[in-house]
Amino acid sequence: MLKKIVESIRNYEGLRRKKYAGVFGKKIGVEIGEDAAVIDVGTEDLLLFTADGIWDVVLQKDLQWGGFVSILVNIHDIAAMGGIAISAVNIVSVVDDKALDEISMGMRRACDLYGVGVVNGHIHPNANTNSIDVAMIGKVKRNSVVYSNTAKAEDYLVYAVDLDGNIHPKLKYNFDSTKKDARILRMQMEAMQKIGEEKIASAGKDVSNAGLVGTIGMMMEVSRKGCTIDLNSVPKPDGIEMGHWLKVYPAAGFVITTPTPEKAIKIFEKHFLTASIIGRVNNSLKVELCLNGERKTVFDFDGESILGLF
């Protein structure tokens, strides 16, 4: 079973496409790896600046969900670094008015639920294909930034996630837990802000389209560390197989490394997230999965790169 899980993760397109971040970054001379750029504007707070384009696979299945997550994924990126989202701008292309209606409905719903406004943008009507790109700014206290490349050996891996939801009916790797009160959804996104302010995490990321193991892998790669992940300890909803869940993009999910996991878990739980210790960081450069006494390597950064860094 573990061998199949490892093969499934390594062959998952949501993970494999991450290598182009490094490929493109090298072409334009930009270092990659963080969820948002950190910009010093000379104030007490630092500016966070991020951007995401929505995968065409999502738009082919559900334009309204595509509009919704175009806002949500950017909020995730800001939150993952200990920040709070402020405003967004977008560039949208649509093939017809119906597509425009669907996308805008999803975007508007996300903005209303999470309290983040779209303040400007650009629209391409009568396009050959539908597309959505969103950029977002946020802020974070100068001494509270949570980076992803600073994981430390011997720290614990803590996974926090909202399990109160369902797999999207048309997108089997999207987990929608957003059908709840806006207060709860906003508090979930504020959890990492508290983690950062209390200096609990040595590193952290939001769980992306790469899935849980892929996200942890990216964090280990840029930190030049390895880790073990105990799959028996990974929180997951009932009725979803572990191999599937590990590739899912959750509507609220964060993974951190920390020397004080109990403190982290208490904060996450106060913010309506289920949280557990799922592993430990080491210096091996390998990400290993453990299940029922069996252990297998899923990534070895001594000779490979998820992010296309070499």
Foldseek 3Di string as FASTA:
>chain_A
DVVVLLVCLLPDPLLQVLQVLQVVCVVVVHDDQALWDWACPPDQKTKTKHKDKFDVLVCVFFLLLSLQVNVLSQLQRQLFFLWGWEEKEKEKEDQAVVSVVSNVNSNVVNCVLQVYYHDYYYYHYNDPDIIMMMMTMIIAGPQQTAALQQFDAFWFKKKWAAQQFAQPPRHRQETDNPPDHSQLVNLLSNLSNVCRVVVFFRHKHFAAQSFQLSSNLSSCLSNQWEKEFELVFDDHHPPDDSSSNRNHRYSGMMMGTGNDVVVSQVSSVVSNIHMTGGIGIRNQQWYWYDYPHDIDTSDRSVPDDSNSND
